[in-house]
Amino acid sequence: MHHCLDSIERYIKDFYNPRPKKIDFKKFEEDARKIKGMLISISNSTDPYQPLEKEYRITRKVLEILIRNGIRIEILTKSDLVVRDLDLLKKGKVVVVLTITTLNKKIASKIEPFAPSPRKRIKVAEKLVEIPKDLVEIFTGCVKPIIVLPKKPESPVSDYVAPSLRTLGIMLAYTPLH
């Protein structure tokens, strides 16, 4: 659990007692076949890369099934654990939305006390695109543009997402916490 101030955790019963979901993966696979080509957003309420994911790998299993069945996926996360699945994400039509709220350690420790540090999240972004050091501070500015950066040759971004492109756009979304 990241225990972020912008989380819905206070509205969910027993939120602070995380437990792995019991998923019938055979049934999940059957259902996934029925929605081929649709878009699924993972983590509209809870980050799919919670600390428990390291041990249980449920998100990875779900992604394997969704990708195998041609389902488009949007993943919203604050976790650097998403890097573990880059090999898998490259095989599908997947977009990763990585939240970087602030680079200020003091502020981050108050509003996202158990989330991976913002610097770790910058490192995740750097695995996808080449970020010039002078642009890193833009991530926390009040103007949130789309920055176009050179795609790394070994970038795990799927060709389905960015076919034949040598650049990728990084959108810096504005939230009330900025």
Foldseek 3Di string as FASTA:
>chain_A
DQQFPPAPQVVDPPSVPDDDDDDPLVVLLVVLLVQAAEEDEPPPHHAPPDVCCVPPVPVVSSLQSNFVNNYAYEHEHQALCVVVCLLSQQSHNYHYHHDQAAQDPVVCCVRGVRGPHSVSSVVSVCLFFPDDPVCPRVLHDQDWAWDKGAGDPPHSHYCNHVPPDRIDTRTNDDDPSD
